[in-house]
């Protein structure tokens, strides 16, 4: 999964993803997507639409070192 992070606006989105037959990107590639998803916001003023315990939440916290 490739993710675009906009720290100034406190948002992120997926820009590409791939699905494989085996765990950890193993086996044959089954599908890939290079379409930008909708922006997901973490800004307190607009409200967060990133659910807890999702890959997007972990990416945001890792990249921005933010506690949201």
N, C-alpha and C. Protein backbone atom coordinates (compact mmCIF):
# COMPACT_ATOMS: atom_id res chain seq x y z
N UNK A 1 0.85 -1.16 0.00
CA UNK A 1 0.00 0.00 0.00
C UNK A 1 0.90 1.23 0.00
N UNK A 2 0.61 2.16 -0.88
CA UNK A 2 1.29 3.45 -0.91
C UNK A 2 0.31 4.49 -0.39
N UNK A 3 0.80 5.33 0.52
CA UNK A 3 -0.06 6.31 1.17
C UNK A 3 0.54 7.70 1.00
N UNK A 4 -0.33 8.67 0.73
CA UNK A 4 0.07 10.08 0.67
C UNK A 4 -0.39 10.74 1.96
N UNK A 5 0.52 11.44 2.62
CA UNK A 5 0.22 12.11 3.89
C UNK A 5 0.35 13.61 3.70
N UNK A 6 -0.69 14.35 4.10
CA UNK A 6 -0.68 15.81 4.07
C UNK A 6 -0.70 16.26 5.52
N UNK A 7 0.49 16.49 6.06
CA UNK A 7 0.60 16.82 7.49
C UNK A 7 -0.03 18.15 7.83
N UNK A 8 0.11 19.14 6.95
CA UNK A 8 -0.43 20.47 7.23
C UNK A 8 -1.95 20.43 7.39
N UNK A 9 -2.61 19.63 6.58
CA UNK A 9 -4.08 19.53 6.65
C UNK A 9 -4.54 18.36 7.50
N UNK A 10 -3.58 17.62 8.07
CA UNK A 10 -3.87 16.46 8.92
C UNK A 10 -4.80 15.47 8.23
N UNK A 11 -4.33 14.98 7.08
CA UNK A 11 -5.12 14.02 6.32
C UNK A 11 -4.19 13.06 5.57
N UNK A 12 -4.73 11.93 5.14
CA UNK A 12 -3.98 10.98 4.35
C UNK A 12 -4.92 10.19 3.46
N UNK A 13 -4.34 9.56 2.42
CA UNK A 13 -5.13 8.74 1.51
C UNK A 13 -4.24 7.69 0.86
N UNK A 14 -4.86 6.64 0.40
CA UNK A 14 -4.17 5.59 -0.32
C UNK A 14 -4.03 6.01 -1.78
N UNK A 15 -2.85 5.80 -2.36
CA UNK A 15 -2.65 6.12 -3.77
C UNK A 15 -2.38 4.88 -4.59
N UNK A 16 -2.08 3.76 -3.95
CA UNK A 16 -1.87 2.50 -4.65
C UNK A 16 -1.94 1.35 -3.64
N UNK A 17 -2.37 0.19 -4.12
CA UNK A 17 -2.39 -0.99 -3.26
C UNK A 17 -2.26 -2.24 -4.11
N UNK A 18 -1.80 -3.31 -3.48
CA UNK A 18 -1.66 -4.60 -4.16
C UNK A 18 -2.14 -5.70 -3.22
N UNK A 19 -2.68 -6.77 -3.81
CA UNK A 19 -3.17 -7.92 -3.05
C UNK A 19 -2.42 -9.14 -3.56
N UNK A 20 -1.89 -9.94 -2.62
CA UNK A 20 -1.14 -11.14 -2.97
C UNK A 20 -1.82 -12.38 -2.43
N UNK A 21 -1.51 -13.52 -3.02
CA UNK A 21 -2.12 -14.79 -2.64
C UNK A 21 -1.68 -15.26 -1.25
N UNK A 22 -0.49 -14.89 -0.83
CA UNK A 22 0.06 -15.34 0.45
C UNK A 22 0.28 -14.15 1.38
N UNK A 23 0.35 -14.39 2.68
CA UNK A 23 0.64 -13.30 3.63
C UNK A 23 2.00 -12.64 3.35
N UNK A 24 2.15 -11.42 3.79
CA UNK A 24 3.39 -10.65 3.69
C UNK A 24 3.84 -10.48 2.23
N UNK A 25 2.88 -10.22 1.35
CA UNK A 25 3.13 -9.99 -0.08
C UNK A 25 3.82 -11.18 -0.74
N UNK A 26 3.43 -12.36 -0.32
CA UNK A 26 4.00 -13.58 -0.89
C UNK A 26 3.08 -14.19 -1.93
N UNK A 27 3.61 -15.09 -2.72
CA UNK A 27 2.82 -15.75 -3.74
C UNK A 27 2.55 -14.85 -4.93
N UNK A 28 1.59 -15.27 -5.72
CA UNK A 28 1.25 -14.52 -6.93
C UNK A 28 0.51 -13.22 -6.60
N UNK A 29 0.79 -12.16 -7.36
CA UNK A 29 -0.03 -10.95 -7.22
C UNK A 29 -1.43 -11.24 -7.76
N UNK A 30 -2.46 -10.90 -7.00
CA UNK A 30 -3.84 -11.14 -7.41
C UNK A 30 -4.50 -9.90 -7.99
N UNK A 31 -4.14 -8.74 -7.48
CA UNK A 31 -4.77 -7.49 -7.92
C UNK A 31 -3.90 -6.32 -7.52
N UNK A 32 -4.00 -5.23 -8.27
CA UNK A 32 -3.32 -3.99 -7.89
C UNK A 32 -4.20 -2.82 -8.30
N UNK A 33 -4.03 -1.71 -7.59
CA UNK A 33 -4.88 -0.55 -7.80
C UNK A 33 -4.02 0.70 -7.65
N UNK A 34 -4.10 1.60 -8.61
CA UNK A 34 -3.35 2.86 -8.53
C UNK A 34 -4.28 4.05 -8.62
N UNK A 35 -5.42 3.96 -7.95
CA UNK A 35 -6.40 5.04 -7.93
C UNK A 35 -6.38 5.69 -6.56
N UNK A 36 -6.35 7.01 -6.53
CA UNK A 36 -6.35 7.74 -5.26
C UNK A 36 -7.68 7.55 -4.55
N UNK A 37 -7.62 7.25 -3.25
CA UNK A 37 -8.83 7.15 -2.45
C UNK A 37 -9.24 8.54 -1.96
N UNK A 38 -10.38 8.62 -1.31
CA UNK A 38 -10.79 9.88 -0.69
C UNK A 38 -9.85 10.19 0.47
N UNK A 39 -9.71 11.46 0.80
CA UNK A 39 -8.89 11.86 1.92
C UNK A 39 -9.55 11.41 3.23
N UNK A 40 -8.76 10.96 4.16
CA UNK A 40 -9.20 10.63 5.51
C UNK A 40 -8.60 11.67 6.44
N UNK A 41 -9.42 12.26 7.29
CA UNK A 41 -8.98 13.37 8.14
C UNK A 41 -8.76 12.93 9.57
N UNK A 42 -7.76 13.54 10.21
CA UNK A 42 -7.52 13.30 11.62
C UNK A 42 -7.57 14.59 12.42
N UNK A 43 -7.84 15.69 11.76
CA UNK A 43 -7.86 16.99 12.43
C UNK A 43 -9.02 17.07 13.41
N UNK A 44 -8.74 17.49 14.64
CA UNK A 44 -9.81 17.59 15.64
C UNK A 44 -10.92 18.55 15.23
N UNK A 45 -10.58 19.63 14.51
CA UNK A 45 -11.60 20.60 14.14
C UNK A 45 -12.61 20.05 13.14
N UNK A 46 -12.18 19.14 12.27
CA UNK A 46 -13.10 18.58 11.27
C UNK A 46 -13.63 17.23 11.71
N UNK A 47 -13.07 16.67 12.75
CA UNK A 47 -13.46 15.34 13.19
C UNK A 47 -12.68 14.28 12.43
N UNK A 48 -12.32 13.23 13.11
CA UNK A 48 -11.54 12.17 12.49
C UNK A 48 -12.46 11.15 11.85
N UNK A 49 -12.15 10.74 10.62
CA UNK A 49 -12.89 9.64 10.02
C UNK A 49 -11.97 8.45 9.79
N UNK A 50 -10.87 8.38 10.55
CA UNK A 50 -9.97 7.23 10.50
C UNK A 50 -10.25 6.38 11.73
N UNK A 51 -10.82 5.20 11.55
CA UNK A 51 -11.12 4.36 12.70
C UNK A 51 -9.85 3.94 13.45
N UNK A 52 -9.93 3.75 14.76
CA UNK A 52 -8.78 3.25 15.50
C UNK A 52 -8.44 1.83 15.04
N UNK A 53 -7.19 1.43 15.23
CA UNK A 53 -6.71 0.07 14.92
C UNK A 53 -6.84 -0.28 13.45
N UNK A 54 -6.65 0.67 12.58
CA UNK A 54 -6.61 0.41 11.14
C UNK A 54 -5.22 0.75 10.63
N UNK A 55 -4.82 0.22 9.48
CA UNK A 55 -3.51 0.57 8.93
C UNK A 55 -3.33 2.07 8.75
N UNK A 56 -4.37 2.78 8.34
CA UNK A 56 -4.25 4.23 8.15
C UNK A 56 -3.90 4.93 9.46
N UNK A 57 -4.50 4.53 10.54
CA UNK A 57 -4.22 5.15 11.85
C UNK A 57 -2.76 4.91 12.24
N UNK A 58 -2.28 3.70 12.05
CA UNK A 58 -0.89 3.40 12.38
C UNK A 58 0.08 4.17 11.49
N UNK A 59 -0.23 4.29 10.21
CA UNK A 59 0.62 5.06 9.29
C UNK A 59 0.67 6.51 9.74
N UNK A 60 -0.49 7.09 10.03
CA UNK A 60 -0.53 8.49 10.45
C UNK A 60 0.32 8.72 11.70
N UNK A 61 0.13 7.88 12.70
CA UNK A 61 0.85 8.05 13.95
C UNK A 61 2.35 7.85 13.77
N UNK A 62 2.74 6.92 12.91
CA UNK A 62 4.16 6.69 12.67
C UNK A 62 4.79 7.87 11.91
N UNK A 63 4.14 8.29 10.84
CA UNK A 63 4.71 9.36 10.00
C UNK A 63 4.71 10.70 10.72
N UNK A 64 3.65 11.01 11.38
CA UNK A 64 3.51 12.35 11.98
C UNK A 64 3.84 12.38 13.46
N UNK A 65 4.03 11.22 14.07
CA UNK A 65 4.30 11.17 15.50
C UNK A 65 3.25 11.94 16.28
N UNK A 66 1.99 11.81 15.84
CA UNK A 66 0.88 12.56 16.43
C UNK A 66 0.08 11.63 17.35
N UNK A 67 -0.41 12.18 18.40
CA UNK A 67 -1.35 11.47 19.25
C UNK A 67 -2.71 12.05 18.94
N UNK A 68 -3.56 11.22 18.35
CA UNK A 68 -4.89 11.71 17.94
C UNK A 68 -5.96 10.92 18.62
